[in-house]
Protein backbone atom coordinates (compact mmCIF):
# COMPACT_ATOMS: atom_id res chain seq x y z
CA MET A 1 8.30 -53.75 -73.50
CA SER A 2 11.59 -54.36 -71.70
CA ASP A 3 12.82 -52.11 -68.88
CA PHE A 4 15.57 -50.71 -71.12
CA GLN A 5 13.07 -50.00 -73.90
CA THR A 6 10.95 -48.10 -71.41
CA ARG A 7 13.95 -46.09 -70.26
CA ARG A 8 14.92 -45.39 -73.89
CA THR A 9 11.48 -43.94 -74.57
CA MET A 10 11.69 -41.87 -71.39
CA MET A 11 15.15 -40.61 -72.42
CA VAL A 12 13.79 -39.37 -75.73
CA ASP A 13 10.59 -37.93 -74.21
CA THR A 14 12.19 -36.20 -71.20
CA GLN A 15 15.76 -35.36 -72.31
CA VAL A 16 15.85 -35.16 -76.10
CA ARG A 17 12.51 -33.81 -77.36
CA PRO A 18 12.28 -31.04 -74.70
CA SER A 19 15.73 -29.83 -75.87
CA GLU A 20 14.29 -28.71 -79.24
CA VAL A 21 15.37 -31.89 -81.04
CA THR A 22 12.55 -32.41 -83.51
CA ARG A 23 13.90 -34.09 -86.67
CA PHE A 24 12.21 -37.46 -87.08
CA PRO A 25 15.34 -39.41 -88.16
CA ILE A 26 17.10 -38.40 -84.92
CA ILE A 27 14.14 -39.33 -82.73
CA GLU A 28 13.65 -42.64 -84.55
CA ALA A 29 17.35 -43.54 -84.28
CA MET A 30 17.58 -42.69 -80.58
CA LEU A 31 14.43 -44.72 -79.90
CA HIS A 32 15.87 -47.67 -81.85
CA VAL A 33 19.57 -47.87 -80.86
CA PRO A 34 20.00 -49.62 -77.48
CA ARG A 35 22.21 -47.16 -75.60
CA GLU A 36 22.79 -49.75 -72.86
CA ALA A 37 24.70 -51.94 -75.36
CA PHE A 38 27.31 -49.18 -75.74
CA VAL A 39 27.90 -48.66 -72.01
CA PRO A 40 30.43 -50.72 -70.00
CA GLU A 41 28.51 -53.70 -68.66
CA ALA A 42 29.09 -52.85 -65.01
CA ARG A 43 27.41 -49.45 -65.54
CA ARG A 44 24.50 -50.40 -67.79
CA GLU A 45 21.98 -49.30 -65.17
CA THR A 46 23.22 -45.72 -65.72
CA ALA A 47 22.84 -45.85 -69.53
CA TYR A 48 19.81 -43.56 -69.69
CA LEU A 49 20.80 -40.92 -67.15
CA GLY A 50 20.82 -37.40 -68.49
CA GLU A 51 24.55 -36.89 -68.05
CA ASN A 52 27.88 -37.76 -69.62
CA LEU A 53 28.90 -41.35 -68.82
CA PHE A 54 32.50 -42.14 -67.90
CA LEU A 55 34.38 -44.47 -70.27
CA ALA A 56 38.06 -43.84 -69.52
CA PRO A 57 40.13 -40.94 -68.12
CA GLY A 58 39.08 -37.86 -70.07
CA ARG A 59 36.55 -39.82 -72.12
CA VAL A 60 32.76 -39.99 -71.88
CA ILE A 61 29.65 -41.01 -73.76
CA LEU A 62 27.99 -37.66 -74.42
CA GLU A 63 24.72 -37.06 -72.61
CA PRO A 64 21.68 -37.74 -74.85
CA ARG A 65 20.73 -34.06 -74.96
CA THR A 66 24.16 -33.00 -76.26
CA LEU A 67 24.27 -35.68 -78.95
CA GLY A 68 20.67 -35.00 -80.00
CA LYS A 69 21.24 -31.24 -80.30
CA PHE A 70 24.48 -31.82 -82.24
CA LEU A 71 22.56 -34.00 -84.70
CA GLU A 72 19.71 -31.48 -84.95
CA GLY A 73 22.17 -28.76 -85.95
CA LEU A 74 24.09 -30.95 -88.42
CA ASP A 75 21.09 -31.96 -90.57
CA ILE A 76 22.57 -35.37 -91.48
CA LYS A 77 21.08 -36.86 -94.63
CA PRO A 78 21.09 -40.49 -95.86
CA GLY A 79 24.36 -41.20 -97.64
CA ASP A 80 26.32 -38.44 -95.88
CA ARG A 81 29.90 -39.40 -95.09
CA VAL A 82 30.44 -38.78 -91.38
CA LEU A 83 33.66 -38.63 -89.37
CA ASP A 84 32.83 -39.50 -85.75
CA LEU A 85 35.83 -38.48 -83.66
CA ALA A 86 36.26 -40.06 -80.20
CA THR A 87 33.52 -42.61 -80.80
CA GLY A 88 34.20 -44.34 -77.47
CA LEU A 89 32.13 -47.54 -77.58
CA GLY A 90 30.30 -46.41 -80.70
CA TYR A 91 26.90 -45.13 -79.53
CA GLY A 92 26.94 -41.90 -81.53
CA ALA A 93 28.22 -43.77 -84.59
CA ALA A 94 25.35 -46.27 -84.28
CA VAL A 95 22.77 -43.48 -84.07
CA MET A 96 24.16 -41.73 -87.15
CA GLU A 97 24.42 -45.02 -89.05
CA ARG A 98 20.77 -45.66 -88.22
CA MET A 99 20.02 -42.25 -89.77
CA GLY A 100 21.51 -43.49 -93.04
CA ALA A 101 25.02 -42.06 -92.77
CA GLN A 102 28.25 -43.76 -93.84
CA VAL A 103 30.22 -43.43 -90.60
CA THR A 104 33.97 -43.60 -90.04
CA ALA A 105 34.35 -43.79 -86.26
CA VAL A 106 37.81 -42.85 -84.97
CA GLU A 107 38.96 -44.07 -81.57
CA GLU A 108 42.47 -43.60 -80.18
CA ASP A 109 42.18 -46.00 -77.22
CA PRO A 110 42.83 -49.53 -78.58
CA THR A 111 40.60 -51.20 -75.99
CA LEU A 112 37.68 -48.88 -76.71
CA ALA A 113 38.22 -49.17 -80.47
CA SER A 114 38.16 -52.97 -80.38
CA ALA A 115 35.06 -53.03 -78.20
CA ALA A 116 33.30 -50.45 -80.39
CA ALA A 117 33.94 -52.50 -83.53
CA SER A 118 32.51 -55.61 -81.84
CA ILE A 119 29.42 -53.83 -80.50
CA LEU A 120 28.65 -52.09 -83.79
CA ALA A 121 28.96 -55.40 -85.64
CA ALA A 122 26.70 -57.13 -83.11
CA GLN A 123 24.12 -54.37 -83.56
CA GLY A 124 24.17 -54.76 -87.34
CA ALA A 125 25.56 -51.28 -87.98
CA ALA A 126 27.06 -52.31 -91.33
CA ASN A 127 27.77 -48.76 -92.49
CA ALA A 128 29.81 -47.78 -89.44
CA ARG A 129 33.45 -48.79 -89.40
CA VAL A 130 35.95 -48.16 -86.61
CA HIS A 131 39.37 -46.69 -87.32
CA GLN A 132 41.83 -47.01 -84.45
CA GLY A 133 44.25 -44.10 -84.50
CA SER A 134 45.02 -40.59 -83.33
CA LEU A 135 41.94 -38.45 -82.74
CA ALA A 136 43.88 -35.36 -83.83
CA GLU A 137 44.69 -36.95 -87.18
CA GLY A 138 41.20 -38.21 -87.99
CA ALA A 139 40.86 -40.51 -91.00
CA PRO A 140 42.03 -38.56 -94.07
CA ALA A 141 42.08 -41.64 -96.32
CA ALA A 142 38.31 -42.01 -95.84
CA GLY A 143 37.53 -38.32 -96.42
CA PRO A 144 36.55 -35.76 -97.29
CA PHE A 145 33.51 -35.87 -95.02
CA ASP A 146 30.13 -34.19 -95.28
CA VAL A 147 29.85 -34.11 -91.50
CA ILE A 148 32.36 -34.19 -88.63
CA VAL A 149 31.20 -34.82 -85.05
CA ILE A 150 33.65 -34.40 -82.17
CA GLU A 151 32.40 -36.41 -79.18
CA GLY A 152 34.21 -34.51 -76.48
CA ALA A 153 35.33 -30.98 -75.70
CA VAL A 154 38.02 -29.03 -77.52
CA GLU A 155 40.06 -25.92 -76.91
CA VAL A 156 41.38 -25.95 -80.47
CA ILE A 157 40.69 -28.15 -83.49
CA PRO A 158 43.76 -29.36 -85.40
CA ASP A 159 44.05 -28.14 -88.99
CA ALA A 160 44.36 -31.79 -90.05
CA ILE A 161 40.76 -32.35 -88.93
CA LEU A 162 39.33 -29.21 -90.51
CA ALA A 163 41.02 -30.15 -93.80
CA GLN A 164 38.92 -33.34 -93.90
CA LEU A 165 35.64 -31.40 -94.08
CA ALA A 166 34.16 -31.22 -97.58
CA GLU A 167 32.85 -28.02 -99.16
CA ASP A 168 29.39 -27.29 -97.71
CA GLY A 169 30.25 -29.76 -94.94
CA ARG A 170 29.09 -29.34 -91.34
CA ILE A 171 31.00 -29.84 -88.10
CA ALA A 172 29.86 -29.97 -84.46
CA ALA A 173 32.24 -29.23 -81.61
CA LEU A 174 32.06 -28.31 -77.94
CA PHE A 175 34.53 -25.51 -77.17
CA VAL A 176 35.80 -24.97 -73.63
CA GLU A 177 36.20 -21.25 -72.99
CA GLU A 178 37.32 -20.48 -69.43
CA THR A 179 34.78 -22.48 -67.38
CA VAL A 180 32.01 -22.65 -69.98
CA GLY A 181 31.39 -25.29 -72.65
CA ILE A 182 29.94 -23.76 -75.82
CA ALA A 183 28.62 -26.04 -78.55
CA ARG A 184 28.93 -24.64 -82.06
CA ILE A 185 27.96 -25.86 -85.51
CA GLY A 186 30.28 -24.90 -88.35
CA ARG A 187 29.75 -24.97 -92.11
CA LYS A 188 32.43 -24.75 -94.80
CA GLU A 189 31.40 -22.33 -97.52
CA GLY A 190 33.80 -21.17 -100.23
CA GLY A 191 36.59 -22.91 -98.37
CA VAL A 192 35.90 -20.86 -95.22
CA LEU A 193 34.53 -22.37 -92.01
CA ASN A 194 31.83 -20.27 -90.37
CA TRP A 195 30.74 -21.13 -86.82
CA LYS A 196 27.42 -20.44 -85.11
CA TYR A 197 26.53 -20.76 -81.44
CA ALA A 198 24.23 -23.73 -80.75
CA PHE A 199 23.93 -24.37 -76.98
CA ASN A 200 25.92 -24.80 -73.76
CA ALA A 201 27.13 -28.20 -72.52
CA GLY A 202 30.10 -29.85 -70.85
CA ALA A 203 32.61 -32.65 -71.50
CA PRO A 204 36.32 -33.39 -70.90
CA VAL A 205 38.82 -31.95 -73.39
CA LEU A 206 39.99 -34.68 -75.77
CA PRO A 207 43.68 -35.61 -76.19
CA GLY A 208 45.20 -33.60 -79.01
CA PHE A 209 42.52 -30.90 -78.82
CA GLY A 210 43.93 -28.84 -75.93
CA ARG A 211 45.60 -25.48 -76.27
CA ALA A 212 49.38 -25.66 -76.11
CA THR A 213 50.67 -24.38 -72.79
CA ALA A 214 53.30 -21.67 -72.91
CA PHE A 215 56.05 -22.10 -70.33
CA VAL A 216 57.33 -18.91 -68.75
CA LEU A 217 60.71 -18.95 -66.99
């Protein structure tokens, strides 16, 4: 077993499983997908730390616990159409693709988007495609989606994103409220989105998902 394989097993056993992530498809995918392949080469030694990993200003790879708990709450099934917003280098997209999802991974940063497409292709993630464009606009042409995952924090979610969620669809987002990050899972029922508290976590607020600042003269 390689050193990275050993670390991957330790990540699942010490960070993911103890965080009440129990669904077998999630565990299997996180044991299978080589997280180090989706981390900038100079920082691969940090790939399995239990923290967010820096990608670019305001952008991170979510810590394994956060991603795992998102996936636990979303109950992704094979064949689900997933919108992965702020995919970064594609790790979350690869995990969900491994779970059987059809993933549209949106990345605004052209450098990250190009690298994500290359890495996903090299890893054989045939059902994950990268769309380079505005995070706040999503990928309406590929929707509606059964699941939306936002891989970063939000203060507000643009209506354009919420409109891409199918009826009975699920969405995971990390809301910044004052100094606290609150992860919630939402479900659209009868055209109405109902949110439930899931857990606390932290991440930078994504571009296009901040609250508009009011200027007072």
